[in-house]
Amino acid sequence: MDKVVVSIGGSILIPDKDDSSYIRELSALLRELVQDFQIVVICGGGKISRYYANTGRELGGDTFQLDELGIMITRANAGLLRIALGDLRVEELPLDAERAAALSAPGNVVVMGGTVPGHTTDAVSAMVAKALGADRIVNATSVDAVYSEDPRHNPDAERYTDMTIDQLAGIVYSEHGAGKSSVFDPLGIRIAKENAIDIVIVDGRDLGELANAIRGQGFRGTLVRS
């Protein structure tokens, strides 16, 4: 049974666009897939997290405090998915990668948010994948693939369907600016490379695409080979 870590951006879970319907359908999909795959889901913070970070910054909060606020929001987002999963969820919400891996087993779904200040949920997903011995990380994001630049800002950006993890690192660390395209966190890339874990980038709101990515076949996003 393949082990798969799914990193779902907060902008996918909570874009304020039929969110309850999407989360309900996502939970139904996970219920189907868990028959054949061992799955851990890490939820991001999205625009709500950014709101708290921006407001906290205006109030004089330091980076550590702002990160703590963001972690709280990721866990709240995870809570929504946990409600939808019902008896499929693991009752405990793990607070670190090792605990998430320990709780994971065939037939259940572990859902969590962030862990500690300084680690994005991309990095957390890579840490969980390492601890779990996962076959791949599926990054469900707001873009449908990896691009040379953020396609929302440059419609002529090159789209990639298959690339190496070193090529992805080159994009993330390029002069265009780390993280501009919100593809994947540099620490997460390093962990995935060191542990030979593939990364799949897909449109998280396309549940058919997400299902194929979890299965490891037939998806239209980007396969990042470790």
Protein backbone atom coordinates (compact mmCIF):
# COMPACT_ATOMS: atom_id res chain seq x y z
CA MET A 1 0.00 0.00 0.00
CA ASP A 2 1.48 3.34 -1.08
CA LYS A 3 1.87 6.01 1.59
CA VAL A 4 0.94 9.50 0.43
CA VAL A 5 1.20 12.86 2.17
CA VAL A 6 -1.27 15.44 0.87
CA SER A 7 -0.48 19.11 1.49
CA ILE A 8 -3.61 21.22 0.92
CA GLY A 9 -3.14 24.97 0.80
CA GLY A 10 -5.41 27.15 2.87
CA SER A 11 -6.35 28.95 -0.35
CA ILE A 12 -7.81 25.64 -1.54
CA LEU A 13 -9.72 24.78 1.62
CA ILE A 14 -10.99 28.27 2.45
CA PRO A 15 -11.15 30.58 -0.58
CA ASP A 16 -14.70 31.52 0.47
CA LYS A 17 -16.13 29.75 -2.58
CA ASP A 18 -18.50 26.88 -1.73
CA ASP A 19 -16.02 25.79 0.93
CA SER A 20 -18.33 23.42 2.80
CA SER A 21 -19.28 21.65 -0.44
CA TYR A 22 -15.63 21.29 -1.44
CA ILE A 23 -14.55 19.99 1.97
CA ARG A 24 -17.46 17.52 2.01
CA GLU A 25 -16.50 16.24 -1.45
CA LEU A 26 -12.83 16.08 -0.46
CA SER A 27 -13.69 13.97 2.58
CA ALA A 28 -15.74 11.62 0.39
CA LEU A 29 -12.78 11.29 -1.98
CA LEU A 30 -10.42 10.49 0.90
CA ARG A 31 -12.89 7.90 2.18
CA GLU A 32 -12.70 6.19 -1.20
CA LEU A 33 -8.92 6.43 -1.61
CA VAL A 34 -8.04 5.27 1.89
CA GLN A 35 -9.07 1.77 0.86
CA ASP A 36 -5.92 1.60 -1.28
CA PHE A 37 -3.59 4.29 0.09
CA GLN A 38 -2.31 5.28 3.52
CA ILE A 39 -2.88 9.03 3.69
CA VAL A 40 -1.82 11.93 5.91
CA VAL A 41 -3.20 15.41 5.15
CA ILE A 42 -1.52 18.68 6.15
CA CYS A 43 -3.66 21.82 5.92
CA GLY A 44 -2.33 25.31 5.23
CA GLY A 45 -3.55 28.66 6.51
CA GLY A 46 -4.37 30.63 3.37
CA LYS A 47 -5.83 34.10 3.35
CA ILE A 48 -7.14 33.87 6.92
CA SER A 49 -3.62 33.19 8.14
CA ARG A 50 -2.33 36.13 6.10
CA TYR A 51 -5.02 38.36 7.59
CA TYR A 52 -3.91 37.51 11.12
CA ALA A 53 -0.24 37.92 10.19
CA ASN A 54 -0.85 41.34 8.65
CA THR A 55 -3.01 42.52 11.53
CA GLY A 56 -0.58 41.17 14.10
CA ARG A 57 2.29 42.93 12.33
CA GLU A 58 0.41 46.22 12.47
CA LEU A 59 -0.01 45.66 16.21
CA GLY A 60 3.74 45.19 16.66
CA GLY A 61 3.96 41.41 16.67
CA ASP A 62 7.33 39.81 15.95
CA THR A 63 7.94 36.98 13.48
CA PHE A 64 7.63 34.27 16.12
CA GLN A 65 4.28 35.61 17.31
CA LEU A 66 2.96 35.96 13.77
CA ASP A 67 4.02 32.40 12.96
CA GLU A 68 2.19 31.17 16.06
CA LEU A 69 -0.99 32.88 14.84
CA GLY A 70 -0.61 31.25 11.44
CA ILE A 71 -0.17 27.81 13.01
CA MET A 72 -3.40 28.28 14.96
CA ILE A 73 -5.24 29.01 11.72
CA THR A 74 -3.81 25.94 9.95
CA ARG A 75 -5.08 23.81 12.81
CA ALA A 76 -8.52 25.46 12.61
CA ASN A 77 -8.61 24.65 8.89
CA ALA A 78 -7.57 21.09 9.69
CA GLY A 79 -10.45 20.99 12.16
CA LEU A 80 -12.98 21.65 9.39
CA LEU A 81 -11.70 18.71 7.35
CA ARG A 82 -11.62 16.53 10.47
CA ILE A 83 -15.31 17.30 11.09
CA ALA A 84 -16.18 16.31 7.53
CA LEU A 85 -14.21 13.05 7.74
CA GLY A 86 -16.23 11.82 10.71
CA ASP A 87 -15.23 8.33 11.82
CA LEU A 88 -12.51 8.15 9.16
CA ARG A 89 -10.32 10.65 11.00
CA VAL A 90 -7.79 9.85 13.69
CA GLU A 91 -9.16 11.42 16.88
CA GLU A 92 -5.89 13.09 17.85
CA LEU A 93 -4.66 16.15 15.97
CA PRO A 94 -0.87 15.62 15.90
CA LEU A 95 1.41 18.54 16.67
CA ASP A 96 4.58 17.21 15.02
CA ALA A 97 5.64 15.05 12.10
CA GLU A 98 6.74 12.06 14.14
CA ARG A 99 3.41 11.84 15.94
CA ALA A 100 1.52 12.12 12.66
CA ALA A 101 3.50 9.21 11.22
CA ALA A 102 2.98 7.15 14.38
CA LEU A 103 -0.81 7.68 14.23
CA SER A 104 -1.11 6.88 10.53
CA ALA A 105 -2.37 3.42 9.59
CA PRO A 106 -4.24 1.77 6.72
CA GLY A 107 -7.92 2.65 6.86
CA ASN A 108 -7.66 6.01 8.62
CA VAL A 109 -6.73 9.57 7.71
CA VAL A 110 -4.47 11.70 9.90
CA VAL A 111 -5.15 15.43 9.48
CA MET A 112 -2.96 18.17 10.92
CA GLY A 113 -1.90 21.78 10.51
CA GLY A 114 1.40 23.48 11.23
CA THR A 115 3.89 22.56 13.93
CA VAL A 116 6.35 25.21 15.10
CA PRO A 117 7.26 28.78 14.08
CA GLY A 118 9.65 28.88 11.15
CA HIS A 119 8.26 25.78 9.41
CA THR A 120 5.70 26.23 6.64
CA THR A 121 3.13 23.53 6.03
CA ASP A 122 5.08 22.59 2.87
CA ALA A 123 8.07 21.85 5.09
CA VAL A 124 5.84 20.00 7.55
CA SER A 125 4.47 17.83 4.74
CA ALA A 126 8.03 16.87 3.77
CA MET A 127 8.89 16.11 7.41
CA VAL A 128 5.81 13.90 7.71
CA ALA A 129 6.67 12.17 4.43
CA LYS A 130 10.16 11.45 5.74
CA ALA A 131 8.88 10.10 9.07
CA LEU A 132 6.19 8.04 7.35
CA GLY A 133 8.41 6.69 4.59
CA ALA A 134 5.94 8.09 2.06
CA ASP A 135 6.15 7.39 -1.64
CA ARG A 136 5.17 10.93 -2.64
CA ILE A 137 3.90 14.30 -1.52
CA VAL A 138 0.88 15.68 -3.34
CA ASN A 139 0.83 19.46 -3.12
CA ALA A 140 -2.73 20.65 -3.78
CA THR A 141 -2.32 24.29 -4.60
CA SER A 142 -4.00 27.19 -6.40
CA VAL A 143 -2.03 26.69 -9.63
CA ASP A 144 -2.35 23.62 -11.85
CA ALA A 145 1.37 22.90 -12.28
CA VAL A 146 4.87 24.29 -11.78
CA TYR A 147 5.65 27.32 -13.92
CA SER A 148 8.86 29.21 -14.56
CA GLU A 149 7.16 32.22 -12.94
CA ASP A 150 3.84 32.81 -11.26
CA PRO A 151 1.35 32.43 -14.16
CA ARG A 152 -1.07 34.79 -12.43
CA HIS A 153 1.49 37.54 -12.91
CA ASN A 154 3.10 36.39 -16.17
CA PRO A 155 0.72 34.61 -18.58
CA ASP A 156 3.70 33.68 -20.77
CA ALA A 157 5.40 31.67 -18.01
CA GLU A 158 6.60 28.22 -19.09
CA ARG A 159 4.57 25.29 -17.76
CA TYR A 160 6.33 22.09 -16.69
CA THR A 161 4.76 18.62 -16.61
CA ASP A 162 7.89 16.70 -15.54
CA MET A 163 11.03 17.97 -13.86
CA THR A 164 13.73 17.07 -11.36
CA ILE A 165 13.74 18.34 -7.81
CA ASP A 166 16.94 20.26 -8.60
CA GLN A 167 15.06 22.09 -11.36
CA LEU A 168 12.30 22.95 -8.91
CA ALA A 169 14.86 24.22 -6.43
CA GLY A 170 16.33 26.38 -9.18
CA ILE A 171 12.95 28.03 -9.75
CA VAL A 172 12.32 28.57 -6.05
CA TYR A 173 15.77 30.07 -5.49
CA SER A 174 15.86 32.03 -8.75
CA GLU A 175 16.20 35.79 -8.97
CA HIS A 176 12.45 35.99 -9.45
CA GLY A 177 12.26 35.55 -5.68
CA ALA A 178 11.82 32.54 -3.45
CA GLY A 179 8.20 31.64 -2.90
CA LYS A 180 6.76 34.10 -5.42
CA SER A 181 4.93 31.39 -7.31
CA SER A 182 3.97 29.59 -4.09
CA VAL A 183 5.11 26.29 -5.56
CA PHE A 184 6.90 24.67 -2.62
CA ASP A 185 8.96 25.69 0.37
CA PRO A 186 12.79 25.51 0.06
CA LEU A 187 13.17 23.49 3.29
CA GLY A 188 10.53 21.06 2.07
CA ILE A 189 12.39 20.66 -1.22
CA ARG A 190 15.64 19.91 0.61
CA ILE A 191 14.00 17.28 2.83
CA ALA A 192 12.28 15.64 -0.15
CA LYS A 193 15.54 15.53 -2.11
CA GLU A 194 17.54 14.08 0.77
CA ASN A 195 14.94 11.35 1.27
CA ALA A 196 14.15 10.61 -2.40
CA ILE A 197 10.49 11.61 -2.13
CA ASP A 198 8.70 12.69 -5.30
CA ILE A 199 6.46 15.78 -5.25
CA VAL A 200 3.34 16.19 -7.36
CA ILE A 201 1.92 19.69 -7.91
CA VAL A 202 -1.77 19.84 -8.87
CA ASP A 203 -4.80 22.11 -8.84
CA GLY A 204 -6.29 21.31 -5.45
CA ARG A 205 -9.82 22.41 -6.34
CA ASP A 206 -9.93 19.86 -9.20
CA LEU A 207 -10.81 16.76 -7.19
CA GLY A 208 -10.44 14.46 -10.18
CA GLU A 209 -6.91 15.75 -10.69
CA LEU A 210 -6.19 15.43 -6.97
CA ALA A 211 -7.45 11.84 -6.95
CA ASN A 212 -5.20 10.92 -9.88
CA ALA A 213 -2.22 12.56 -8.18
CA ILE A 214 -2.79 10.58 -4.99
CA ARG A 215 -3.02 7.43 -7.11
CA GLY A 216 0.18 8.48 -8.87
CA GLN A 217 -1.12 8.24 -12.40
CA GLY A 218 -2.95 10.17 -15.08
CA PHE A 219 -2.66 13.63 -13.54
CA ARG A 220 -2.13 16.80 -15.57
CA GLY A 221 -0.03 18.69 -13.04
CA THR A 222 3.72 18.48 -12.53
CA LEU A 223 5.69 15.45 -11.39
CA VAL A 224 8.83 16.55 -9.56
CA ARG A 225 11.21 13.59 -9.52
CA SER A 226 13.53 13.27 -6.54
